[in-house]
């Protein structure tokens, strides 16, 4: 009888120990499962946050796109080619103090411009177009007709590098104070010199 009781006690203890071990395993596994789920959730959240940040950066970069790039390129090319600088460059107020009568036309609705000085001569550079800013024009006032012709030669060769000084000289007749220029196969360029005033316009930006 005593032996049976001892055996029963041992069996009971073994059973209790086994149950306890199983419970511990269940607890550990469930805890690990919770940790794994929590970690994966955090990773997903981080991915979403990073994706949103990238989207915001892309939007910001689009907003920061330089709308003056055509004008800036012209300025850079002019300064490099002529080893000089256009001084005191500022954005033009197309609808305000820098308004010209022709700016009332639809092609100038979204026009932008910059102004500055070349050797003390005021220059205005306007980028415009009806559907996109695909046209470019220049206004410059020199102090004499002779100097206007010199500056004109510098400017026109930036507008179209295939135009030479000889091409310009061929247009200058007995009245250099009033010249409407016409270049072969360049019907997209309209330009003239009236006294000391320079006007250049191109509907094809080739620089």
Foldseek 3Di string as FASTA:
>chain_A
DVVVVVVVVVVVVVVVVVVVVVVVVVVVVVVVVVVVVVVVVVVVVVVVVVVVVVVVVVVVVVVVDDPCVLVVVLQVVLCVVVVHHFAPKDKDPCVPPVDDPVCVDLFNPVKIWIWGHDVNKIKIKIQTGNVGRFKIKMKIFDPWLVVLLVVVQSNVCSQPVVDHNVQSVVQCDPCSQWTWHDGPPQVQWTWIHHTRMTMIMGNHRDD
